[in-house]
N, C-alpha and C. Protein backbone atom coordinates (compact mmCIF):
# COMPACT_ATOMS: atom_id res chain seq x y z
N MET A 1 2.57 3.24 35.07
CA MET A 1 1.75 4.41 34.74
C MET A 1 2.48 5.71 35.10
N ILE A 2 3.03 5.71 36.31
CA ILE A 2 3.76 6.89 36.78
C ILE A 2 4.99 7.13 35.90
N GLN A 3 5.61 6.01 35.50
CA GLN A 3 6.80 6.09 34.64
C GLN A 3 6.47 6.76 33.31
N LYS A 4 5.31 6.43 32.73
CA LYS A 4 4.88 7.04 31.47
C LYS A 4 4.66 8.54 31.63
N ILE A 5 4.05 8.89 32.77
CA ILE A 5 3.78 10.32 33.03
C ILE A 5 5.10 11.08 33.14
N VAL A 6 6.09 10.46 33.84
CA VAL A 6 7.40 11.09 34.00
C VAL A 6 8.07 11.28 32.64
N VAL A 7 7.98 10.25 31.79
CA VAL A 7 8.59 10.32 30.45
C VAL A 7 7.94 11.43 29.63
N LYS A 8 6.61 11.51 29.64
CA LYS A 8 5.89 12.56 28.90
C LYS A 8 6.27 13.94 29.41
N THR A 9 6.37 14.04 30.74
CA THR A 9 6.75 15.33 31.34
C THR A 9 8.14 15.74 30.89
N LEU A 10 9.07 14.77 30.89
CA LEU A 10 10.43 15.05 30.44
C LEU A 10 10.46 15.51 28.97
N ILE A 11 9.64 14.85 28.14
CA ILE A 11 9.58 15.22 26.72
C ILE A 11 9.09 16.66 26.56
N ILE A 12 8.04 17.00 27.33
CA ILE A 12 7.49 18.36 27.27
C ILE A 12 8.53 19.38 27.72
N VAL A 13 9.23 19.08 28.81
CA VAL A 13 10.25 19.99 29.34
C VAL A 13 11.37 20.20 28.33
N ILE A 14 11.82 19.07 27.75
CA ILE A 14 12.89 19.15 26.74
C ILE A 14 12.43 19.96 25.53
N GLY A 15 11.16 19.74 25.09
CA GLY A 15 10.61 20.50 23.96
C GLY A 15 10.57 21.98 24.23
N LEU A 16 10.13 22.34 25.44
CA LEU A 16 10.08 23.76 25.81
C LEU A 16 11.47 24.37 25.85
N PHE A 17 12.45 23.55 26.31
CA PHE A 17 13.83 24.02 26.38
C PHE A 17 14.39 24.29 24.98
N VAL A 18 14.09 23.35 24.05
CA VAL A 18 14.55 23.50 22.66
C VAL A 18 13.95 24.76 22.03
N ILE A 19 12.63 24.93 22.24
CA ILE A 19 11.95 26.12 21.68
C ILE A 19 12.54 27.38 22.27
N SER A 20 12.80 27.34 23.57
CA SER A 20 13.38 28.50 24.24
C SER A 20 14.75 28.83 23.67
N CYS A 21 15.54 27.76 23.44
CA CYS A 21 16.88 27.97 22.85
C CYS A 21 16.79 28.54 21.45
N LYS A 22 15.80 28.06 20.68
CA LYS A 22 15.60 28.53 19.30
C LYS A 22 15.25 30.01 19.30
N HIS A 23 14.33 30.38 20.22
CA HIS A 23 13.95 31.79 20.31
C HIS A 23 15.15 32.64 20.69
N SER A 24 15.97 32.11 21.62
CA SER A 24 17.15 32.85 22.05
C SER A 24 18.12 33.01 20.90
N HIS A 25 18.27 31.92 20.10
CA HIS A 25 19.18 31.94 18.95
C HIS A 25 18.72 32.92 17.88
N GLU A 26 17.42 33.07 17.71
CA GLU A 26 16.89 33.95 16.66
C GLU A 26 16.47 35.31 17.21
N ASN A 27 17.10 35.72 18.29
CA ASN A 27 16.86 37.05 18.87
C ASN A 27 15.41 37.26 19.29
N ASN A 28 14.82 36.18 19.82
CA ASN A 28 13.47 36.28 20.39
C ASN A 28 12.42 36.79 19.41
N TYR A 29 12.42 36.28 18.17
CA TYR A 29 11.35 36.59 17.24
C TYR A 29 10.14 35.74 17.63
N HIS A 30 9.08 36.38 18.08
CA HIS A 30 7.91 35.65 18.54
C HIS A 30 6.99 35.23 17.40
N THR A 31 7.05 35.96 16.28
CA THR A 31 6.25 35.61 15.11
C THR A 31 7.09 35.78 13.85
N VAL A 32 6.60 35.22 12.76
CA VAL A 32 7.28 35.36 11.46
C VAL A 32 7.30 36.83 11.05
N THR A 33 6.22 37.54 11.34
CA THR A 33 6.13 38.97 11.00
C THR A 33 7.21 39.76 11.72
N ASP A 34 7.46 39.42 13.00
CA ASP A 34 8.52 40.10 13.76
C ASP A 34 9.87 39.92 13.09
N LYS A 35 10.12 38.70 12.64
CA LYS A 35 11.40 38.41 12.01
C LYS A 35 11.54 39.15 10.68
N ILE A 36 10.46 39.18 9.88
CA ILE A 36 10.49 39.88 8.59
C ILE A 36 10.77 41.36 8.79
N GLU A 37 10.07 41.96 9.76
CA GLU A 37 10.27 43.39 10.03
C GLU A 37 11.68 43.69 10.50
N ALA A 38 12.23 42.77 11.32
CA ALA A 38 13.59 42.97 11.85
C ALA A 38 14.64 42.82 10.77
N LYS A 39 14.41 41.88 9.85
CA LYS A 39 15.40 41.59 8.81
C LYS A 39 15.27 42.48 7.57
N THR A 40 14.14 43.18 7.45
CA THR A 40 13.91 44.02 6.26
C THR A 40 14.89 45.18 6.24
N VAL A 41 15.51 45.38 5.07
CA VAL A 41 16.45 46.49 4.89
C VAL A 41 15.73 47.64 4.21
N SER A 42 15.76 48.80 4.79
CA SER A 42 15.09 49.96 4.20
C SER A 42 15.82 50.40 2.95
N PRO A 43 15.11 51.04 1.99
CA PRO A 43 15.75 51.46 0.73
C PRO A 43 16.99 52.32 0.95
N GLU A 44 16.99 53.11 2.05
CA GLU A 44 18.13 53.99 2.31
C GLU A 44 19.40 53.19 2.64
N ASN A 45 19.21 51.96 3.13
CA ASN A 45 20.37 51.16 3.55
C ASN A 45 20.76 50.08 2.55
N LEU A 46 20.15 50.08 1.38
CA LEU A 46 20.48 49.08 0.37
C LEU A 46 21.90 49.26 -0.12
N THR A 47 22.60 48.17 -0.32
CA THR A 47 23.96 48.24 -0.84
C THR A 47 24.01 47.93 -2.34
N VAL A 48 22.89 47.41 -2.90
CA VAL A 48 22.83 47.10 -4.32
C VAL A 48 22.71 48.41 -5.09
N THR A 49 23.46 48.56 -6.17
CA THR A 49 23.43 49.80 -6.94
C THR A 49 23.66 49.53 -8.42
N SER A 50 23.16 50.45 -9.26
CA SER A 50 23.36 50.36 -10.71
C SER A 50 24.48 51.28 -11.18
N LYS A 51 25.18 51.91 -10.25
CA LYS A 51 26.20 52.89 -10.62
C LYS A 51 27.26 52.32 -11.55
N THR A 52 27.67 51.09 -11.31
CA THR A 52 28.72 50.50 -12.14
C THR A 52 28.29 50.32 -13.59
N PHE A 53 26.97 50.16 -13.82
CA PHE A 53 26.46 50.00 -15.18
C PHE A 53 26.32 51.35 -15.89
N ASN A 54 26.22 52.42 -15.11
CA ASN A 54 25.92 53.74 -15.67
C ASN A 54 27.12 54.68 -15.70
N GLU A 55 28.25 54.24 -15.18
CA GLU A 55 29.36 55.18 -14.98
C GLU A 55 29.93 55.74 -16.27
N ASN A 56 29.72 55.07 -17.41
CA ASN A 56 30.26 55.57 -18.69
C ASN A 56 29.25 56.41 -19.47
N ILE A 57 28.08 56.68 -18.86
CA ILE A 57 27.04 57.46 -19.52
C ILE A 57 26.94 58.84 -18.88
N LYS A 58 27.07 59.88 -19.68
CA LYS A 58 26.89 61.23 -19.16
C LYS A 58 25.41 61.44 -18.85
N THR A 59 25.12 61.95 -17.68
CA THR A 59 23.73 62.08 -17.26
C THR A 59 23.42 63.46 -16.70
N VAL A 60 22.13 63.79 -16.70
CA VAL A 60 21.62 64.96 -16.00
C VAL A 60 20.44 64.47 -15.15
N LYS A 61 20.02 65.29 -14.22
CA LYS A 61 18.99 64.86 -13.27
C LYS A 61 17.60 65.31 -13.69
N PHE A 62 16.64 64.39 -13.60
CA PHE A 62 15.23 64.72 -13.76
C PHE A 62 14.63 64.81 -12.37
N ALA A 63 13.94 65.90 -12.07
CA ALA A 63 13.31 66.07 -10.76
C ALA A 63 12.03 66.88 -10.94
N GLU A 64 10.91 66.19 -11.06
CA GLU A 64 9.61 66.85 -11.23
C GLU A 64 8.51 66.01 -10.60
N ASP A 65 7.50 66.67 -10.06
CA ASP A 65 6.29 66.01 -9.55
C ASP A 65 6.59 64.89 -8.57
N GLY A 66 7.64 65.03 -7.77
CA GLY A 66 7.97 64.02 -6.78
C GLY A 66 8.83 62.89 -7.30
N TYR A 67 9.17 62.90 -8.58
CA TYR A 67 10.02 61.86 -9.18
C TYR A 67 11.44 62.40 -9.33
N GLU A 68 12.41 61.57 -9.04
CA GLU A 68 13.82 61.93 -9.23
C GLU A 68 14.57 60.74 -9.82
N PHE A 69 15.20 60.95 -10.97
CA PHE A 69 16.03 59.92 -11.57
C PHE A 69 16.97 60.58 -12.58
N LEU A 70 17.84 59.79 -13.17
CA LEU A 70 18.81 60.31 -14.13
C LEU A 70 18.37 60.04 -15.56
N ILE A 71 18.74 60.94 -16.47
CA ILE A 71 18.49 60.76 -17.90
C ILE A 71 19.79 61.04 -18.65
N PRO A 72 19.98 60.46 -19.84
CA PRO A 72 21.21 60.71 -20.59
C PRO A 72 21.34 62.18 -20.98
N GLU A 73 22.54 62.70 -20.84
CA GLU A 73 22.83 64.05 -21.29
C GLU A 73 22.79 64.05 -22.81
N ARG A 74 22.18 65.07 -23.41
CA ARG A 74 21.87 65.05 -24.84
C ARG A 74 22.84 65.87 -25.70
N LYS A 75 23.23 67.03 -25.22
CA LYS A 75 23.94 67.98 -26.09
C LYS A 75 25.28 67.45 -26.60
N SER A 76 25.97 66.66 -25.80
CA SER A 76 27.26 66.12 -26.25
C SER A 76 27.08 65.05 -27.33
N GLN A 77 25.84 64.53 -27.49
CA GLN A 77 25.56 63.51 -28.50
C GLN A 77 25.20 64.13 -29.85
N ILE A 78 24.89 65.42 -29.86
CA ILE A 78 24.50 66.10 -31.11
C ILE A 78 25.77 66.58 -31.80
N THR A 79 26.06 65.99 -32.94
CA THR A 79 27.33 66.28 -33.62
C THR A 79 27.43 67.72 -34.11
N SER A 80 26.30 68.36 -34.38
CA SER A 80 26.32 69.73 -34.92
C SER A 80 26.05 70.79 -33.85
N TYR A 81 26.12 70.42 -32.58
CA TYR A 81 25.89 71.37 -31.50
C TYR A 81 27.22 71.99 -31.10
N ASN A 82 27.34 73.23 -30.81
CA ASN A 82 26.31 74.25 -30.65
C ASN A 82 25.75 74.71 -31.99
N CYS A 83 24.46 74.90 -32.05
CA CYS A 83 23.80 75.28 -33.30
C CYS A 83 24.30 76.62 -33.83
N THR A 84 24.59 77.54 -32.90
CA THR A 84 24.99 78.89 -33.31
C THR A 84 26.38 78.94 -33.94
N GLU A 85 27.09 77.83 -33.92
CA GLU A 85 28.38 77.79 -34.62
C GLU A 85 28.17 77.90 -36.13
N CYS A 86 27.01 77.41 -36.60
CA CYS A 86 26.67 77.51 -38.02
C CYS A 86 25.59 78.56 -38.27
N HIS A 87 24.65 78.63 -37.34
CA HIS A 87 23.52 79.57 -37.49
C HIS A 87 23.93 80.97 -37.05
N THR A 88 24.78 81.58 -37.87
CA THR A 88 25.27 82.94 -37.58
C THR A 88 24.41 84.00 -38.26
N GLN A 89 23.52 83.55 -39.15
CA GLN A 89 22.64 84.46 -39.89
C GLN A 89 21.22 83.89 -39.90
N PRO A 90 20.22 84.71 -40.21
CA PRO A 90 18.85 84.20 -40.32
C PRO A 90 18.78 83.07 -41.36
N ILE A 91 17.85 82.16 -41.18
CA ILE A 91 17.74 80.97 -42.04
C ILE A 91 17.58 81.34 -43.52
N GLU A 92 16.74 82.32 -43.80
CA GLU A 92 16.50 82.72 -45.19
C GLU A 92 17.80 83.16 -45.86
N LYS A 93 18.64 83.85 -45.10
CA LYS A 93 19.91 84.32 -45.66
C LYS A 93 20.86 83.14 -45.88
N LEU A 94 20.83 82.17 -44.96
CA LEU A 94 21.66 80.99 -45.12
C LEU A 94 21.26 80.20 -46.35
N LYS A 95 19.95 80.15 -46.62
CA LYS A 95 19.46 79.46 -47.83
C LYS A 95 19.98 80.15 -49.08
N GLN A 96 19.98 81.46 -49.06
CA GLN A 96 20.44 82.22 -50.22
C GLN A 96 21.93 81.99 -50.47
N ASN A 97 22.67 81.75 -49.38
CA ASN A 97 24.10 81.50 -49.51
C ASN A 97 24.41 80.08 -49.98
N GLN A 98 23.34 79.29 -50.17
CA GLN A 98 23.46 77.91 -50.68
C GLN A 98 24.42 77.07 -49.83
N VAL A 99 24.15 77.08 -48.54
CA VAL A 99 24.95 76.23 -47.64
C VAL A 99 24.66 74.78 -47.99
N GLY A 100 25.65 73.91 -47.85
CA GLY A 100 25.48 72.49 -48.19
C GLY A 100 24.22 71.90 -47.60
N GLU A 101 23.52 71.08 -48.37
CA GLU A 101 22.21 70.55 -47.98
C GLU A 101 22.26 69.81 -46.66
N LYS A 102 23.24 68.94 -46.48
CA LYS A 102 23.31 68.14 -45.26
C LYS A 102 23.64 69.01 -44.05
N ALA A 103 24.59 69.93 -44.24
CA ALA A 103 25.01 70.79 -43.13
C ALA A 103 23.87 71.68 -42.66
N ALA A 104 23.03 72.11 -43.57
CA ALA A 104 21.97 73.06 -43.23
C ALA A 104 20.64 72.39 -42.93
N HIS A 105 20.59 71.07 -42.92
CA HIS A 105 19.39 70.30 -42.58
C HIS A 105 18.27 70.42 -43.61
N TRP A 106 18.55 70.89 -44.82
CA TRP A 106 17.46 71.01 -45.80
C TRP A 106 16.94 69.63 -46.19
N ASN A 107 17.73 68.59 -45.88
CA ASN A 107 17.32 67.23 -46.24
C ASN A 107 16.33 66.63 -45.23
N ILE A 108 16.08 67.30 -44.11
CA ILE A 108 15.15 66.78 -43.10
C ILE A 108 13.71 66.98 -43.57
N LYS A 109 12.96 65.90 -43.56
CA LYS A 109 11.53 65.97 -43.89
C LYS A 109 10.75 65.72 -42.61
N LEU A 110 10.03 66.73 -42.18
CA LEU A 110 9.29 66.64 -40.93
C LEU A 110 8.04 65.79 -41.09
N ALA A 111 7.97 64.71 -40.31
CA ALA A 111 6.79 63.83 -40.30
C ALA A 111 6.33 63.67 -38.86
N HIS A 112 5.92 64.77 -38.29
CA HIS A 112 5.53 64.81 -36.88
C HIS A 112 4.26 65.66 -36.79
N ALA A 113 3.11 64.99 -36.80
CA ALA A 113 1.81 65.68 -36.94
C ALA A 113 1.73 66.30 -38.33
N GLY A 114 0.67 67.02 -38.63
CA GLY A 114 0.50 67.62 -39.95
C GLY A 114 1.17 68.97 -40.06
N VAL A 115 1.39 69.42 -41.29
CA VAL A 115 2.07 70.71 -41.51
C VAL A 115 1.26 71.88 -40.95
N GLU A 116 -0.06 71.68 -40.83
CA GLU A 116 -0.89 72.76 -40.28
C GLU A 116 -0.74 72.86 -38.77
N ILE A 117 -0.12 71.81 -38.16
CA ILE A 117 0.07 71.80 -36.70
C ILE A 117 1.52 72.08 -36.33
N MET A 118 2.45 71.47 -37.08
CA MET A 118 3.86 71.60 -36.73
C MET A 118 4.73 71.95 -37.92
N ASN A 119 5.75 72.74 -37.64
CA ASN A 119 6.83 72.99 -38.59
C ASN A 119 8.10 73.21 -37.77
N CYS A 120 9.20 73.52 -38.40
CA CYS A 120 10.47 73.67 -37.69
C CYS A 120 10.39 74.68 -36.55
N ALA A 121 9.66 75.78 -36.81
CA ALA A 121 9.57 76.88 -35.83
C ALA A 121 8.73 76.51 -34.61
N THR A 122 8.03 75.36 -34.64
CA THR A 122 7.26 74.92 -33.48
C THR A 122 8.20 74.62 -32.31
N CYS A 123 9.39 74.11 -32.63
CA CYS A 123 10.35 73.74 -31.58
C CYS A 123 11.62 74.59 -31.60
N HIS A 124 12.01 75.05 -32.80
CA HIS A 124 13.24 75.84 -32.94
C HIS A 124 12.88 77.29 -33.27
N SER A 125 13.76 78.19 -32.87
CA SER A 125 13.50 79.61 -33.17
C SER A 125 14.76 80.29 -33.67
N ASP A 126 14.56 81.38 -34.40
CA ASP A 126 15.70 82.18 -34.88
C ASP A 126 16.41 82.87 -33.73
N GLY A 127 15.65 83.14 -32.66
CA GLY A 127 16.19 83.93 -31.56
C GLY A 127 17.38 83.28 -30.86
N ASN A 128 17.27 81.98 -30.55
CA ASN A 128 18.36 81.28 -29.88
C ASN A 128 18.36 79.82 -30.32
N MET A 129 19.15 79.51 -31.33
CA MET A 129 19.18 78.17 -31.90
C MET A 129 19.75 77.13 -30.93
N ASP A 130 20.48 77.58 -29.91
CA ASP A 130 21.08 76.65 -28.98
C ASP A 130 20.09 76.11 -27.94
N ASN A 131 18.86 76.59 -27.99
CA ASN A 131 17.81 76.09 -27.12
C ASN A 131 16.54 75.82 -27.93
N LEU A 132 15.70 74.96 -27.40
CA LEU A 132 14.37 74.74 -27.96
C LEU A 132 13.42 75.74 -27.31
N HIS A 133 12.17 75.79 -27.78
CA HIS A 133 11.21 76.64 -27.07
C HIS A 133 9.84 75.97 -27.02
N SER A 134 9.12 76.26 -25.94
CA SER A 134 7.81 75.67 -25.71
C SER A 134 6.75 76.39 -26.53
N LEU A 135 5.51 75.89 -26.43
CA LEU A 135 4.39 76.53 -27.14
C LEU A 135 4.12 77.93 -26.62
N THR A 136 4.55 78.18 -25.37
CA THR A 136 4.38 79.52 -24.79
C THR A 136 5.66 80.34 -24.92
N ASN A 137 6.58 79.85 -25.77
CA ASN A 137 7.82 80.55 -26.09
C ASN A 137 8.82 80.62 -24.94
N SER A 138 8.76 79.66 -24.01
CA SER A 138 9.77 79.58 -22.95
C SER A 138 10.93 78.73 -23.45
N GLU A 139 12.14 79.12 -23.10
CA GLU A 139 13.31 78.39 -23.56
C GLU A 139 13.39 77.02 -22.89
N ILE A 140 13.79 76.01 -23.66
CA ILE A 140 13.96 74.64 -23.16
C ILE A 140 15.34 74.14 -23.58
N ASP A 141 16.13 73.73 -22.60
CA ASP A 141 17.46 73.20 -22.86
C ASP A 141 17.35 71.88 -23.63
N PHE A 142 18.25 71.65 -24.58
CA PHE A 142 18.24 70.40 -25.36
C PHE A 142 18.33 69.16 -24.47
N ASN A 143 18.98 69.28 -23.33
CA ASN A 143 19.09 68.15 -22.42
C ASN A 143 17.74 67.76 -21.82
N TYR A 144 16.79 68.70 -21.82
CA TYR A 144 15.48 68.46 -21.21
C TYR A 144 14.37 68.56 -22.26
N SER A 145 14.63 67.99 -23.43
CA SER A 145 13.66 68.08 -24.53
C SER A 145 12.35 67.38 -24.22
N TYR A 146 12.32 66.51 -23.20
CA TYR A 146 11.06 65.86 -22.81
C TYR A 146 10.00 66.89 -22.42
N LYS A 147 10.44 68.08 -21.99
CA LYS A 147 9.49 69.15 -21.64
C LYS A 147 8.72 69.60 -22.87
N LEU A 148 9.37 69.52 -24.01
CA LEU A 148 8.72 69.87 -25.28
C LEU A 148 7.71 68.80 -25.66
N CYS A 149 8.13 67.53 -25.59
CA CYS A 149 7.27 66.41 -25.97
C CYS A 149 6.04 66.30 -25.07
N SER A 150 6.24 66.57 -23.77
CA SER A 150 5.16 66.38 -22.79
C SER A 150 4.02 67.37 -22.97
N GLN A 151 4.24 68.43 -23.74
CA GLN A 151 3.15 69.39 -23.97
C GLN A 151 1.96 68.74 -24.68
N CYS A 152 2.26 67.81 -25.58
CA CYS A 152 1.21 67.13 -26.34
C CYS A 152 1.01 65.68 -25.89
N HIS A 153 2.08 65.07 -25.41
CA HIS A 153 2.03 63.65 -25.07
C HIS A 153 1.99 63.46 -23.56
N GLN A 154 0.95 63.96 -22.92
CA GLN A 154 0.84 63.92 -21.46
C GLN A 154 0.74 62.49 -20.92
N LYS A 155 -0.03 61.64 -21.58
CA LYS A 155 -0.21 60.27 -21.10
C LYS A 155 1.12 59.52 -21.12
N GLU A 156 1.84 59.62 -22.23
CA GLU A 156 3.13 58.95 -22.36
C GLU A 156 4.13 59.52 -21.34
N PHE A 157 4.05 60.83 -21.13
CA PHE A 157 4.95 61.48 -20.17
C PHE A 157 4.71 60.97 -18.76
N LYS A 158 3.45 60.82 -18.39
CA LYS A 158 3.09 60.32 -17.07
C LYS A 158 3.59 58.88 -16.89
N ASP A 159 3.40 58.05 -17.93
CA ASP A 159 3.87 56.67 -17.88
C ASP A 159 5.40 56.61 -17.80
N TRP A 160 6.06 57.51 -18.52
CA TRP A 160 7.52 57.55 -18.52
C TRP A 160 8.06 57.91 -17.14
N LYS A 161 7.46 58.89 -16.50
CA LYS A 161 7.91 59.28 -15.16
C LYS A 161 7.81 58.11 -14.19
N GLY A 162 6.73 57.34 -14.32
CA GLY A 162 6.53 56.21 -13.42
C GLY A 162 7.32 54.98 -13.79
N GLY A 163 7.98 54.99 -14.95
CA GLY A 163 8.81 53.86 -15.37
C GLY A 163 8.12 52.85 -16.26
N ALA A 164 6.87 53.15 -16.70
CA ALA A 164 6.12 52.19 -17.52
C ALA A 164 6.30 52.43 -19.01
N HIS A 165 6.93 53.53 -19.40
CA HIS A 165 7.15 53.84 -20.81
C HIS A 165 8.63 54.17 -20.98
N GLY A 166 9.21 53.68 -22.06
CA GLY A 166 10.62 53.96 -22.31
C GLY A 166 11.53 52.91 -21.72
N LYS A 167 12.79 52.97 -22.09
CA LYS A 167 13.76 51.96 -21.66
C LYS A 167 14.54 52.44 -20.45
N GLN A 168 14.65 51.55 -19.47
CA GLN A 168 15.48 51.84 -18.31
C GLN A 168 16.86 51.23 -18.52
N LEU A 169 17.90 51.98 -18.22
CA LEU A 169 19.27 51.53 -18.43
C LEU A 169 19.88 51.04 -17.11
N GLY A 170 20.79 50.10 -17.20
CA GLY A 170 21.50 49.64 -16.02
C GLY A 170 20.75 48.58 -15.26
N GLY A 171 19.71 48.95 -14.55
CA GLY A 171 18.94 48.01 -13.74
C GLY A 171 17.93 48.75 -12.90
N TRP A 172 17.17 48.00 -12.09
CA TRP A 172 16.14 48.62 -11.26
C TRP A 172 16.68 49.11 -9.93
N ALA A 173 17.89 48.72 -9.58
CA ALA A 173 18.49 49.22 -8.35
C ALA A 173 18.83 50.70 -8.53
N PRO A 174 18.74 51.49 -7.48
CA PRO A 174 19.06 52.91 -7.60
C PRO A 174 20.54 53.10 -7.90
N PRO A 175 20.95 54.18 -8.55
CA PRO A 175 20.08 55.24 -9.08
C PRO A 175 19.44 54.84 -10.41
N ARG A 176 18.16 55.21 -10.59
CA ARG A 176 17.44 54.91 -11.81
C ARG A 176 17.98 55.78 -12.95
N LEU A 177 18.17 55.18 -14.10
CA LEU A 177 18.59 55.90 -15.31
C LEU A 177 17.70 55.46 -16.46
N SER A 178 16.93 56.40 -17.01
CA SER A 178 15.98 56.08 -18.07
C SER A 178 16.25 56.91 -19.31
N ASN A 179 16.07 56.27 -20.47
CA ASN A 179 16.14 57.01 -21.73
C ASN A 179 15.01 58.03 -21.81
N THR A 180 15.24 59.10 -22.54
CA THR A 180 14.19 60.09 -22.77
C THR A 180 13.55 59.83 -24.13
N CYS A 181 12.58 60.65 -24.49
CA CYS A 181 11.84 60.49 -25.74
C CYS A 181 12.78 60.39 -26.95
N VAL A 182 13.74 61.32 -27.03
CA VAL A 182 14.60 61.41 -28.21
C VAL A 182 15.66 60.32 -28.27
N ASN A 183 15.85 59.56 -27.18
CA ASN A 183 16.77 58.43 -27.22
C ASN A 183 16.19 57.26 -28.01
N CYS A 184 14.86 57.22 -28.12
CA CYS A 184 14.19 56.14 -28.85
C CYS A 184 13.49 56.64 -30.12
N HIS A 185 12.96 57.86 -30.07
CA HIS A 185 12.20 58.41 -31.19
C HIS A 185 12.99 59.52 -31.88
N ASN A 186 12.97 59.50 -33.20
CA ASN A 186 13.51 60.62 -33.97
C ASN A 186 12.53 61.78 -33.83
N PRO A 187 12.93 62.90 -33.26
CA PRO A 187 11.98 63.99 -33.02
C PRO A 187 11.34 64.54 -34.29
N HIS A 188 12.01 64.38 -35.45
CA HIS A 188 11.45 64.87 -36.70
C HIS A 188 10.53 63.83 -37.35
N LYS A 189 10.69 62.57 -36.95
CA LYS A 189 9.87 61.49 -37.49
C LYS A 189 9.73 60.42 -36.39
N PRO A 190 8.89 60.69 -35.38
CA PRO A 190 8.86 59.85 -34.18
C PRO A 190 8.24 58.46 -34.34
N ALA A 191 7.41 58.26 -35.35
CA ALA A 191 6.77 56.95 -35.52
C ALA A 191 7.80 55.90 -35.90
N PHE A 192 7.68 54.71 -35.32
CA PHE A 192 8.59 53.62 -35.67
C PHE A 192 8.18 53.00 -37.00
N GLU A 193 9.17 52.63 -37.80
CA GLU A 193 8.91 51.97 -39.07
C GLU A 193 8.34 50.56 -38.82
N LYS A 194 7.41 50.13 -39.68
CA LYS A 194 6.90 48.76 -39.57
C LYS A 194 7.98 47.79 -40.04
N ARG A 195 8.10 46.68 -39.32
CA ARG A 195 9.12 45.69 -39.67
C ARG A 195 8.54 44.29 -39.63
N TRP A 196 9.08 43.44 -40.50
CA TRP A 196 8.72 42.03 -40.46
C TRP A 196 9.45 41.38 -39.29
N PRO A 197 8.87 40.31 -38.73
CA PRO A 197 9.58 39.57 -37.67
C PRO A 197 10.90 39.03 -38.21
N VAL A 198 11.84 38.81 -37.31
CA VAL A 198 13.14 38.26 -37.72
C VAL A 198 12.95 36.91 -38.38
N ARG A 199 12.02 36.11 -37.83
CA ARG A 199 11.72 34.81 -38.40
C ARG A 199 10.35 34.89 -39.05
N PHE A 200 10.32 34.87 -40.37
CA PHE A 200 9.08 35.05 -41.11
C PHE A 200 8.28 33.74 -41.16
N ASN A 201 7.02 33.79 -40.78
CA ASN A 201 6.17 32.61 -40.72
C ASN A 201 5.44 32.42 -42.05
N THR A 202 6.05 31.64 -42.95
CA THR A 202 5.45 31.42 -44.28
C THR A 202 4.19 30.60 -44.22
N GLN A 203 4.06 29.76 -43.19
CA GLN A 203 2.86 28.93 -43.06
C GLN A 203 1.61 29.79 -42.83
N LYS A 204 1.75 30.82 -42.02
CA LYS A 204 0.63 31.71 -41.74
C LYS A 204 0.21 32.47 -42.99
N VAL A 205 1.14 32.82 -43.82
CA VAL A 205 0.85 33.53 -45.06
C VAL A 205 0.00 32.64 -45.96
N LYS A 206 0.37 31.36 -46.03
CA LYS A 206 -0.39 30.39 -46.86
C LYS A 206 -1.80 30.22 -46.31
N GLU A 207 -1.92 30.14 -44.97
CA GLU A 207 -3.26 29.96 -44.36
C GLU A 207 -4.15 31.16 -44.62
N ARG A 208 -3.58 32.35 -44.62
CA ARG A 208 -4.38 33.57 -44.83
C ARG A 208 -4.84 33.72 -46.26
N GLN A 209 -4.12 33.05 -47.18
CA GLN A 209 -4.50 33.13 -48.59
C GLN A 209 -5.72 32.24 -48.86
């Protein structure tokens, strides 16, 4: 009987010793929560980055309403920029001079809201063709054209700032780089064209008939 008690006591002592060694080995984490908190890396100390995916993209910084991220630089992508290189005279005079249709944008058909709401002068002005302008006639740099879109599309703008609207480039690791409105939408015709699926389901067509 005494022998059994001694054996049990030895087992308990050895168990306590093992647990003690384990705690010592794991820096005395008394609970799982302690270990998680100790091992958690703060965002400031993260080594994962999307920089390598974004290094070939020219960017500018978005910083509004507590949000900060990168967006693609726009002006270098516009083949006819600076606008004032061609717009040396008022538009009416340029029309009279019969400037080539493509060069002068006469081929652009605006399909962005109705004509009673929008026309070319809603966003562009004779005063400074190298910038856009807001509804209150404040100048807007082409790189920040989202400021123009957000005047009417507040819901989409809010979703875009939070990352729920639009395409994110590179990855979710910082620094964040997101496309702007004009990277996905044609500003003169923003609605996407309807398209058939890549794989057309002929069976469904028969069933619907």
